[in-house]
C-alpha cells in the first residue's frame, strides 16, 4: 500500500477514500438489484384462500433491457438500467391460474377472446359439448338430438350453429326443453342457445330462426310454438290504435287461428281488399251468430249458400243461385201476339245474369215453348235463349230440363219472354229459369 501511495502521490487519507468508495458503490448497486428481483417475484394463491401473504414467491421470466432471463437464470450482477426502462421492458409470461381482473393489451383495450366452432359428430343424437361453448352441426342425414354429453355444471351455456337441413331437437321427451314442448326442426342457418340447469336437470333452449325478420313492435310481442306452425300474440300498453303489417307472398298463409280464439270489441278489416270467410262442404254452424259458406249449396250444382245459426235453426242467409218462375194458363186462348211474346222477368239489377239451368212442366205431352230475350226498349226482334220440348213423361205431368243454354247471358235492362207454339193446347205450363248474378261490376 505504501508503494501504491507513493505511485499515486496521495495523502494517506485520500488514498483510503479511493479504496473504499468503489466497494460502497458496488454494494449499493447489488442492493438495488436484489430489490428489483424481489419486485419481480410472482405470488400465486395456490390454496385459494384469497390471501397471497402465506404463499412462497416464484420468479417469472422477464426481459430487462436487451437481456432475457428465465425463472432459473437470475444474475445478481446484472447491470440495472433506469427505472423507466425496466417498466417498459418487463414482459410477464402468464402460465395459468384464474383471471380475476379485466385483461387489456398495451393500448389499454380489453382483449377479445374467441373460440373456433367445434363440429358435432355426424348423426350423433347426444353430441359432446364438454370441450367448448361454440359448436356447429354437420348432419348428412335426419338426426334428432335428445341431449348433450358433458359433465353437467349449473349455468353451462353453449351456442349451436345449424349448418344443415337435417337436424331436429327433441323437446318433448328428452333432456332438452323449449318452444312450448314441441320438437324443433331446425333450418340451415338457425342459431340455438342452450343453458343447463341443475334445478330440473334440463337444457333450456332458445331458437333463433335464420329467416325471421326484424321486429320493431315496442309495446309487447310474443312468439311461441317454434315447430313451423307458430302463433303470434301481441299486447299494447296504450289505448291508441296500432297497425301490424306482416309482409309475405300472396300464396302464403300468414296467420291461422285455432278454434279457441275469440275477438273482443270492434275489429276493423277496412284496409283489406277481401276477406275469406269460413267455408266448406256442409260446414257446421251451431253457435248463435256463427256463419259459414256452404260450397255446394243445397246440393245444387254450382250453388253456394251463406248459412247462419240463429240459436235454433241453420238459416240460408244468402244464395248464389236465383230462380225465376213463370206460369201460363191455357196460352192457346191468348191473342197470337201475346202467345208469341209473353214477358215474365226484367233484369234491372245493374249486373249480368248468367243462366245455368231451365226447367219446364206441362199437363200435356210434346208442348213446345221457347225462352227468348228482348231489349227493354225494343221488343220487335226477340232472340232465342233456349228451346224446350216438354215431353218427358212423369206422373200426370211432362217435363224438360236444359243445362246447356244457347244464349245464357241476360244483360242489364234485358227481358226474358216465352214464345208458345201455335198448335199446342196445354192447360198449364210452368217455366223456371235459374242462374247467378255476376257481381264483378266496376
Protein backbone atom coordinates (compact mmCIF):
# COMPACT_ATOMS: atom_id res chain seq x y z
CA UNK A 1 0.00 0.00 0.00
CA UNK A 2 2.90 2.30 0.81
CA UNK A 3 4.21 1.61 -2.69
CA UNK A 4 0.83 2.42 -4.26
CA UNK A 5 0.57 5.58 -2.26
CA UNK A 6 3.94 6.65 -3.49
CA UNK A 7 2.97 5.79 -7.05
CA UNK A 8 -0.22 7.87 -6.93
CA UNK A 9 1.34 10.50 -4.66
CA UNK A 10 -1.71 10.63 -2.41
CA UNK A 11 -2.12 11.59 1.17
CA UNK A 12 -2.91 8.51 3.30
CA UNK A 13 -6.49 9.68 3.99
CA UNK A 14 -7.13 10.39 0.32
CA UNK A 15 -5.76 7.00 -0.63
CA UNK A 16 -8.14 5.32 1.86
CA UNK A 17 -11.14 7.08 0.26
CA UNK A 18 -10.09 5.92 -3.19
CA UNK A 19 -10.11 2.32 -1.98
CA UNK A 20 -13.39 2.43 -0.03
CA UNK A 21 -15.77 4.32 -2.42
CA UNK A 22 -15.92 1.63 -5.20
CA UNK A 23 -16.73 -1.01 -2.62
CA UNK A 24 -19.62 1.10 -1.33
CA UNK A 25 -20.90 1.71 -4.89
CA UNK A 26 -20.77 -2.00 -5.75
CA UNK A 27 -22.56 -2.90 -2.52
CA UNK A 28 -25.23 -0.25 -3.18
CA UNK A 29 -25.72 -1.47 -6.79
CA UNK A 30 -26.10 -5.07 -5.61
CA UNK A 31 -28.67 -3.94 -3.05
CA UNK A 32 -30.79 -2.23 -5.76
CA UNK A 33 -30.53 -5.31 -7.98
CA UNK A 34 -31.90 -7.56 -5.26
CA UNK A 35 -34.73 -5.10 -4.65
CA UNK A 36 -35.61 -5.26 -8.36
CA UNK A 37 -35.62 -9.04 -8.28
CA UNK A 38 -37.87 -9.05 -5.21
CA UNK A 39 -40.27 -6.77 -7.12
CA UNK A 40 -40.45 -9.33 -9.94
CA UNK A 41 -41.49 -12.24 -7.77
CA UNK A 42 -44.84 -13.86 -8.71
CA UNK A 43 -47.11 -14.79 -5.79
CA UNK A 44 -49.73 -17.47 -6.70
CA UNK A 45 -52.69 -18.19 -4.40
CA UNK A 46 -52.31 -21.98 -4.62
CA UNK A 47 -54.58 -22.78 -1.68
CA UNK A 48 -57.37 -20.49 -2.99
CA UNK A 49 -57.88 -18.79 0.37
CA UNK A 50 -57.85 -15.28 -1.07
CA UNK A 51 -54.55 -14.46 0.64
CA UNK A 52 -51.09 -14.44 -1.05
CA UNK A 53 -49.05 -13.49 2.03
CA UNK A 54 -48.88 -17.16 3.05
CA UNK A 55 -47.55 -18.28 -0.36
CA UNK A 56 -43.95 -18.87 -1.45
CA UNK A 57 -42.86 -16.49 -4.24
CA UNK A 58 -41.65 -17.65 -7.65
CA UNK A 59 -39.64 -15.81 -10.25
CA UNK A 60 -41.23 -15.14 -13.62
CA UNK A 61 -39.48 -14.79 -16.94
CA UNK A 62 -38.59 -11.20 -17.79
CA UNK A 63 -36.68 -9.14 -20.32
CA UNK A 64 -34.55 -6.33 -18.89
CA UNK A 65 -33.03 -4.04 -21.46
CA UNK A 66 -31.81 -6.36 -24.17
CA UNK A 67 -31.23 -9.30 -21.85
CA UNK A 68 -33.75 -12.10 -21.26
CA UNK A 69 -33.91 -14.04 -18.02
CA UNK A 70 -36.00 -17.09 -17.22
CA UNK A 71 -37.20 -18.26 -13.82
CA UNK A 72 -33.90 -20.11 -13.08
CA UNK A 73 -31.36 -17.80 -14.64
CA UNK A 74 -31.26 -14.75 -12.39
CA UNK A 75 -27.90 -12.97 -12.23
CA UNK A 76 -27.37 -10.72 -9.21
CA UNK A 77 -24.53 -8.92 -11.00
CA UNK A 78 -26.62 -7.72 -13.96
CA UNK A 79 -26.42 -4.08 -14.91
CA UNK A 80 -29.65 -2.36 -13.93
CA UNK A 81 -30.98 0.24 -16.41
CA UNK A 82 -33.14 3.17 -15.46
CA UNK A 83 -36.46 2.72 -13.67
CA UNK A 84 -38.48 3.74 -16.76
CA UNK A 85 -36.58 1.34 -18.98
CA UNK A 86 -37.30 -1.57 -16.61
CA UNK A 87 -41.01 -0.69 -16.54
CA UNK A 88 -41.17 -0.53 -20.34
CA UNK A 89 -39.20 -3.74 -20.99
CA UNK A 90 -40.55 -6.23 -18.43
CA UNK A 91 -43.00 -8.65 -20.08
CA UNK A 92 -44.67 -11.12 -17.71
CA UNK A 93 -45.50 -14.51 -19.29
CA UNK A 94 -48.76 -15.92 -17.75
CA UNK A 95 -48.61 -19.65 -17.10
CA UNK A 96 -52.20 -20.33 -15.88
CA UNK A 97 -54.49 -19.66 -12.94
CA UNK A 98 -57.80 -17.85 -12.54
CA UNK A 99 -58.29 -14.49 -14.23
CA UNK A 100 -59.58 -12.14 -11.53
CA UNK A 101 -59.39 -8.81 -13.33
CA UNK A 102 -60.03 -7.25 -16.73
CA UNK A 103 -57.43 -8.15 -19.35
CA UNK A 104 -56.11 -5.36 -21.55
CA UNK A 105 -53.41 -5.05 -24.14
CA UNK A 106 -50.60 -2.48 -24.28
CA UNK A 107 -53.02 0.19 -25.60
CA UNK A 108 -55.46 -0.33 -22.76
CA UNK A 109 -58.11 -2.06 -24.96
CA UNK A 110 -59.89 -5.05 -23.47
CA UNK A 111 -58.73 -8.28 -25.05
CA UNK A 112 -61.36 -10.18 -27.05
CA UNK A 113 -61.45 -13.92 -26.55
CA UNK A 114 -62.62 -16.09 -29.49
CA UNK A 115 -63.28 -19.80 -29.81
CA UNK A 116 -63.42 -21.79 -33.04
CA UNK A 117 -66.76 -23.57 -33.56
CA UNK A 118 -66.31 -27.31 -32.99
CA UNK A 119 -68.25 -29.62 -35.32
CA UNK A 120 -70.66 -32.17 -33.87
CA UNK A 121 -70.10 -35.76 -34.95
CA UNK A 122 -72.37 -36.64 -37.87
CA UNK A 123 -75.65 -38.34 -36.78
CA UNK A 124 -74.78 -38.05 -33.06
CA UNK A 125 -78.01 -37.86 -31.01
CA UNK A 126 -76.13 -36.77 -27.86
CA UNK A 127 -73.19 -34.62 -29.01
CA UNK A 128 -70.24 -34.00 -26.67
CA UNK A 129 -70.13 -30.34 -25.55
CA UNK A 130 -67.54 -30.68 -22.79
CA UNK A 131 -64.72 -29.22 -24.87
CA UNK A 132 -66.10 -25.77 -25.59
CA UNK A 133 -69.05 -23.44 -25.91
CA UNK A 134 -69.48 -22.89 -29.67
CA UNK A 135 -70.48 -25.79 -31.90
CA UNK A 136 -71.74 -26.40 -35.44
CA UNK A 137 -73.87 -29.23 -36.80
CA UNK A 138 -72.88 -31.30 -39.82
CA UNK A 139 -75.56 -33.97 -40.12
CA UNK A 140 -75.76 -35.56 -43.57
CA UNK A 141 -78.99 -37.42 -42.72
CA UNK A 142 -82.00 -36.95 -40.48
CA UNK A 143 -80.75 -36.63 -36.90
CA UNK A 144 -82.73 -35.93 -33.73
CA UNK A 145 -80.70 -34.51 -30.83
CA UNK A 146 -82.06 -35.58 -27.44
CA UNK A 147 -79.32 -34.45 -25.02
CA UNK A 148 -75.70 -33.27 -24.73
CA UNK A 149 -72.79 -35.25 -23.31
CA UNK A 150 -70.74 -33.35 -20.71
CA UNK A 151 -70.01 -33.10 -17.02
CA UNK A 152 -73.15 -31.21 -16.05
CA UNK A 153 -72.48 -27.82 -14.46
CA UNK A 154 -75.20 -25.37 -13.49
CA UNK A 155 -75.25 -22.42 -15.88
CA UNK A 156 -73.21 -24.14 -18.60
CA UNK A 157 -74.07 -22.21 -21.78
CA UNK A 158 -73.48 -23.39 -25.34
CA UNK A 159 -74.11 -21.90 -28.78
CA UNK A 160 -75.01 -24.14 -31.74
CA UNK A 161 -74.87 -23.02 -35.36
CA UNK A 162 -77.10 -25.22 -37.52
CA UNK A 163 -75.19 -25.97 -40.72
CA UNK A 164 -77.55 -28.48 -42.35
CA UNK A 165 -81.23 -29.12 -43.01
CA UNK A 166 -81.32 -32.49 -41.24
CA UNK A 167 -81.25 -31.58 -37.52
CA UNK A 168 -84.22 -31.80 -35.16
CA UNK A 169 -84.15 -31.05 -31.43
CA UNK A 170 -86.34 -33.36 -29.32
CA UNK A 171 -88.13 -31.09 -26.86
CA UNK A 172 -90.93 -33.46 -25.85
CA UNK A 173 -89.26 -36.45 -24.21
CA UNK A 174 -85.59 -35.70 -23.67
CA UNK A 175 -83.11 -33.65 -21.66
CA UNK A 176 -83.97 -30.57 -23.71
CA UNK A 177 -86.72 -28.01 -23.14
CA UNK A 178 -88.11 -25.14 -25.19
CA UNK A 179 -90.71 -23.95 -27.77
CA UNK A 180 -93.64 -24.92 -25.58
CA UNK A 181 -92.74 -28.61 -25.57
CA UNK A 182 -92.82 -29.17 -29.34
CA UNK A 183 -89.91 -30.61 -31.30
CA UNK A 184 -87.95 -28.06 -33.31
CA UNK A 185 -86.96 -28.92 -36.88
CA UNK A 186 -84.07 -26.52 -37.42
CA UNK A 187 -83.37 -24.85 -40.73
CA UNK A 188 -79.93 -24.34 -42.19
CA UNK A 189 -78.53 -21.16 -40.63
CA UNK A 190 -80.53 -21.24 -37.39
CA UNK A 191 -78.80 -20.31 -34.13
CA UNK A 192 -79.51 -22.29 -30.95
CA UNK A 193 -78.60 -21.21 -27.41
CA UNK A 194 -78.81 -23.70 -24.55
CA UNK A 195 -78.22 -23.26 -20.81
CA UNK A 196 -78.09 -26.19 -18.38
CA UNK A 197 -79.89 -26.00 -15.04
CA UNK A 198 -79.27 -28.41 -12.18
CA UNK A 199 -82.63 -27.41 -10.69
CA UNK A 200 -84.54 -29.58 -13.17
CA UNK A 201 -81.59 -31.31 -14.88
CA UNK A 202 -82.60 -29.89 -18.25
CA UNK A 203 -81.01 -27.90 -21.06
CA UNK A 204 -83.19 -24.84 -21.67
CA UNK A 205 -83.18 -23.91 -25.36
CA UNK A 206 -83.68 -20.70 -27.29
CA UNK A 207 -84.01 -20.95 -31.09
CA UNK A 208 -83.33 -18.04 -33.40
CA UNK A 209 -84.52 -18.88 -36.92
CA UNK A 210 -82.36 -17.69 -39.78
CA UNK A 211 -85.44 -16.49 -41.68
CA UNK A 212 -87.08 -14.35 -39.01
CA UNK A 213 -87.42 -10.69 -39.93
CA UNK A 214 -86.89 -7.58 -37.86
CA UNK A 215 -89.35 -6.92 -35.04
CA UNK A 216 -89.84 -3.27 -34.20
CA UNK A 217 -93.00 -3.54 -32.10
CA UNK A 218 -92.16 -1.95 -28.74
CA UNK A 219 -95.33 -2.50 -26.75
CA UNK A 220 -95.29 -6.28 -26.33
CA UNK A 221 -94.84 -9.22 -28.68
CA UNK A 222 -94.66 -12.96 -28.04
CA UNK A 223 -93.72 -15.75 -30.45
CA UNK A 224 -94.50 -19.30 -29.42
CA UNK A 225 -94.51 -22.83 -30.87
CA UNK A 226 -91.31 -22.99 -32.93
CA UNK A 227 -92.33 -26.06 -34.90
CA UNK A 228 -93.24 -24.24 -38.07
CA UNK A 229 -96.91 -23.70 -37.12
CA UNK A 230 -96.24 -20.96 -34.60
CA UNK A 231 -98.53 -18.33 -33.22
CA UNK A 232 -98.06 -14.60 -32.88
CA UNK A 233 -99.52 -12.70 -29.95
CA UNK A 234 -99.24 -9.05 -29.08
CA UNK A 235 -100.37 -6.77 -26.27
CA UNK A 236 -100.49 -2.97 -26.27
CA UNK A 237 -99.99 -0.82 -23.24
CA UNK A 238 -101.76 2.21 -24.70
CA UNK A 239 -105.28 2.80 -25.91
CA UNK A 240 -104.46 4.28 -29.30
CA UNK A 241 -104.96 2.20 -32.45
CA UNK A 242 -101.99 0.19 -33.67
CA UNK A 243 -101.25 -1.32 -37.08
CA UNK A 244 -99.36 -4.56 -37.55
CA UNK A 245 -98.10 -5.36 -41.05
CA UNK A 246 -96.90 -8.88 -41.85
CA UNK A 247 -95.32 -8.96 -45.32
CA UNK A 248 -95.47 -12.10 -47.40
CA UNK A 249 -96.24 -13.62 -50.77
CA UNK A 250 -99.86 -13.73 -51.89
CA UNK A 251 -99.97 -17.53 -51.72
CA UNK A 252 -98.73 -17.75 -48.13
CA UNK A 253 -100.95 -18.44 -45.13
CA UNK A 254 -99.64 -15.87 -42.66
CA UNK A 255 -101.98 -16.43 -39.73
CA UNK A 256 -104.00 -19.49 -38.76
CA UNK A 257 -106.44 -19.09 -35.88
CA UNK A 258 -107.25 -22.03 -33.66
CA UNK A 259 -110.84 -22.89 -32.77
CA UNK A 260 -110.46 -21.33 -29.31
CA UNK A 261 -109.64 -17.79 -30.43
CA UNK A 262 -112.24 -15.10 -29.82
CA UNK A 263 -112.19 -11.48 -30.96
CA UNK A 264 -113.43 -8.88 -28.49
CA UNK A 265 -114.50 -5.37 -29.35
CA UNK A 266 -114.67 -3.96 -32.88
CA UNK A 267 -112.18 -5.30 -35.40
CA UNK A 268 -111.56 -3.16 -38.46
CA UNK A 269 -110.71 -5.01 -41.67
CA UNK A 270 -111.46 -1.97 -43.81
CA UNK A 271 -107.95 -1.75 -45.20
CA UNK A 272 -108.20 -5.17 -46.87
CA UNK A 273 -109.37 -5.80 -50.42
CA UNK A 274 -111.03 -9.09 -49.48
CA UNK A 275 -111.89 -11.33 -46.53
CA UNK A 276 -112.08 -15.10 -46.78
CA UNK A 277 -114.94 -16.50 -44.74
CA UNK A 278 -115.02 -19.99 -43.22
CA UNK A 279 -116.19 -22.35 -45.95
CA UNK A 280 -116.55 -25.99 -46.93
CA UNK A 281 -118.98 -28.68 -47.92
CA UNK A 282 -121.78 -28.71 -45.36
CA UNK A 283 -119.92 -26.67 -42.69
CA UNK A 284 -121.21 -26.87 -39.12
CA UNK A 285 -122.61 -23.68 -37.59
CA UNK A 286 -124.03 -24.33 -34.13
CA UNK A 287 -123.36 -21.19 -32.08
CA UNK A 288 -125.68 -18.21 -32.26
CA UNK A 289 -124.42 -15.81 -34.93
CA UNK A 290 -121.92 -18.32 -36.33
CA UNK A 291 -121.73 -18.18 -40.13
CA UNK A 292 -120.04 -20.13 -42.92
CA UNK A 293 -120.18 -20.63 -46.67
CA UNK A 294 -121.57 -23.96 -47.93
CA UNK A 295 -119.61 -24.52 -51.14
CA UNK A 296 -122.14 -26.93 -52.68
CA UNK A 297 -125.25 -25.02 -51.65
CA UNK A 298 -128.28 -27.22 -51.11
CA UNK A 299 -126.61 -29.96 -53.17
CA UNK A 300 -127.30 -27.96 -56.32
CA UNK A 301 -124.53 -27.96 -58.90
CA UNK A 302 -122.63 -24.67 -58.94
CA UNK A 303 -124.50 -23.24 -55.95
CA UNK A 304 -123.25 -21.53 -52.78
CA UNK A 305 -125.15 -20.60 -49.65
CA UNK A 306 -124.34 -18.42 -46.67
CA UNK A 307 -125.61 -20.34 -43.65
CA UNK A 308 -126.07 -18.74 -40.24
CA UNK A 309 -127.18 -20.27 -36.94
CA UNK A 310 -129.91 -18.20 -35.26
CA UNK A 311 -129.82 -20.06 -31.96
CA UNK A 312 -132.30 -22.69 -33.09
CA UNK A 313 -132.00 -23.25 -36.83
CA UNK A 314 -129.40 -23.06 -39.57
CA UNK A 315 -130.71 -20.36 -41.87
CA UNK A 316 -129.70 -19.71 -45.51
CA UNK A 317 -128.98 -16.00 -45.30
CA UNK A 318 -127.83 -15.77 -48.90
CA UNK A 319 -127.56 -17.92 -52.00
CA UNK A 320 -125.60 -17.83 -55.24
CA UNK A 321 -128.36 -19.24 -57.48
CA UNK A 322 -131.56 -17.33 -58.11
CA UNK A 323 -134.59 -18.85 -59.84
CA UNK A 324 -137.20 -17.00 -61.85
CA UNK A 325 -140.66 -18.58 -62.19
CA UNK A 326 -143.31 -18.12 -64.88
CA UNK A 327 -146.73 -19.83 -65.17
CA UNK A 328 -149.00 -19.68 -68.21
CA UNK A 329 -152.65 -20.83 -68.14
CA UNK A 330 -154.17 -22.00 -71.48
CA UNK A 331 -151.84 -19.98 -73.74
CA UNK A 332 -153.90 -21.00 -76.81
CA UNK A 333 -156.69 -18.78 -75.51
CA UNK A 334 -154.43 -15.74 -75.71
CA UNK A 335 -154.09 -13.44 -78.65
CA UNK A 336 -151.39 -14.53 -81.10
CA UNK A 337 -149.18 -11.55 -80.26
CA UNK A 338 -149.39 -12.36 -76.53
CA UNK A 339 -148.72 -16.07 -77.13
CA UNK A 340 -145.64 -15.24 -79.25
CA UNK A 341 -144.11 -12.80 -76.72
CA UNK A 342 -145.02 -13.22 -73.06
CA UNK A 343 -142.61 -11.16 -70.88
CA UNK A 344 -142.04 -12.63 -67.41
CA UNK A 345 -138.80 -11.10 -65.97
CA UNK A 346 -136.74 -7.95 -66.49
CA UNK A 347 -133.10 -7.70 -65.34
CA UNK A 348 -132.92 -4.32 -63.68
CA UNK A 349 -130.11 -5.14 -61.25
CA UNK A 350 -127.17 -3.50 -63.00
CA UNK A 351 -125.50 -6.92 -63.11
CA UNK A 352 -125.29 -9.62 -65.75
CA UNK A 353 -127.46 -12.66 -65.01
CA UNK A 354 -125.99 -15.96 -66.23
CA UNK A 355 -128.49 -18.79 -66.82
CA UNK A 356 -127.29 -22.22 -65.66
CA UNK A 357 -130.49 -24.27 -65.94
CA UNK A 358 -134.05 -24.10 -67.34
CA UNK A 359 -136.81 -26.47 -66.24
CA UNK A 360 -140.35 -26.70 -67.65
CA UNK A 361 -143.58 -28.56 -66.81
CA UNK A 362 -146.80 -29.07 -68.78
CA UNK A 363 -150.01 -31.00 -68.35
CA UNK A 364 -149.89 -32.15 -71.98
CA UNK A 365 -147.23 -34.07 -73.89
CA UNK A 366 -144.98 -32.53 -76.52
CA UNK A 367 -145.57 -28.94 -75.51
CA UNK A 368 -143.10 -26.68 -77.30
CA UNK A 369 -142.05 -23.36 -75.79
CA UNK A 370 -139.03 -21.14 -76.45
CA UNK A 371 -137.40 -18.88 -73.87
CA UNK A 372 -136.44 -15.63 -75.63
CA UNK A 373 -134.73 -12.34 -74.87
CA UNK A 374 -135.59 -8.77 -75.89
CA UNK A 375 -134.04 -5.39 -75.07
CA UNK A 376 -136.02 -3.27 -72.65
CA UNK A 377 -136.57 -0.62 -75.31
CA UNK A 378 -137.17 -2.81 -78.39
CA UNK A 379 -139.48 -5.84 -78.39
CA UNK A 380 -139.61 -6.21 -82.15
CA UNK A 381 -136.77 -8.72 -82.63
CA UNK A 382 -136.58 -11.29 -79.82
CA UNK A 383 -133.59 -13.68 -79.76
CA UNK A 384 -133.70 -17.29 -78.59
CA UNK A 385 -132.25 -18.21 -75.23
CA UNK A 386 -133.16 -21.92 -75.50
CA UNK A 387 -135.94 -24.10 -76.95
CA UNK A 388 -137.85 -26.51 -74.71
CA UNK A 389 -139.72 -29.67 -75.70
CA UNK A 390 -141.77 -30.71 -72.70
CA UNK A 391 -142.10 -34.42 -73.41
CA UNK A 392 -140.51 -36.42 -70.60
CA UNK A 393 -143.30 -38.44 -69.12
CA UNK A 394 -143.91 -38.10 -65.40
CA UNK A 395 -146.94 -38.93 -63.33
CA UNK A 396 -149.72 -36.69 -64.59
CA UNK A 397 -147.08 -34.25 -65.79
CA UNK A 398 -144.50 -33.88 -68.56
CA UNK A 399 -141.12 -32.20 -68.00
CA UNK A 400 -137.99 -30.94 -69.68
CA UNK A 401 -134.60 -29.81 -68.26
CA UNK A 402 -131.90 -27.91 -70.13
CA UNK A 403 -128.42 -27.18 -68.72
CA UNK A 404 -126.65 -26.37 -71.99
CA UNK A 405 -128.06 -22.97 -72.76
CA UNK A 406 -127.85 -21.49 -76.26
CA UNK A 407 -127.60 -17.86 -75.04
CA UNK A 408 -127.15 -17.86 -71.26
CA UNK A 409 -126.42 -14.14 -70.71
CA UNK A 410 -129.10 -11.68 -69.68
CA UNK A 411 -127.66 -8.17 -69.58
CA UNK A 412 -128.94 -5.29 -67.53
CA UNK A 413 -132.24 -3.90 -68.89
CA UNK A 414 -132.97 -7.03 -70.98
CA UNK A 415 -136.22 -9.01 -70.59
CA UNK A 416 -136.93 -12.74 -70.67
CA UNK A 417 -140.04 -13.80 -72.61
CA UNK A 418 -141.88 -17.02 -73.60
CA UNK A 419 -142.98 -17.96 -77.14
CA UNK A 420 -145.59 -20.77 -77.26
CA UNK A 421 -146.19 -22.96 -80.31
CA UNK A 422 -149.45 -22.06 -82.05
CA UNK A 423 -150.54 -25.69 -82.49
CA UNK A 424 -150.16 -26.90 -78.90
CA UNK A 425 -153.04 -26.58 -76.48
CA UNK A 426 -151.72 -27.13 -72.93
CA UNK A 427 -153.86 -26.28 -69.94
CA UNK A 428 -150.94 -25.02 -67.86
CA UNK A 429 -147.21 -24.50 -68.50
CA UNK A 430 -144.62 -23.61 -65.85
CA UNK A 431 -141.06 -22.48 -66.61
CA UNK A 432 -138.23 -22.00 -64.07
CA UNK A 433 -135.02 -20.21 -65.09
CA UNK A 434 -132.08 -20.45 -62.64
CA UNK A 435 -128.74 -18.63 -62.69
CA UNK A 436 -126.47 -16.24 -60.87
CA UNK A 437 -125.59 -12.55 -60.87
CA UNK A 438 -122.07 -11.51 -61.80
CA UNK A 439 -121.04 -9.13 -59.03
CA UNK A 440 -117.77 -8.04 -60.67
CA UNK A 441 -119.11 -4.63 -61.57
CA UNK A 442 -116.85 -1.59 -61.52
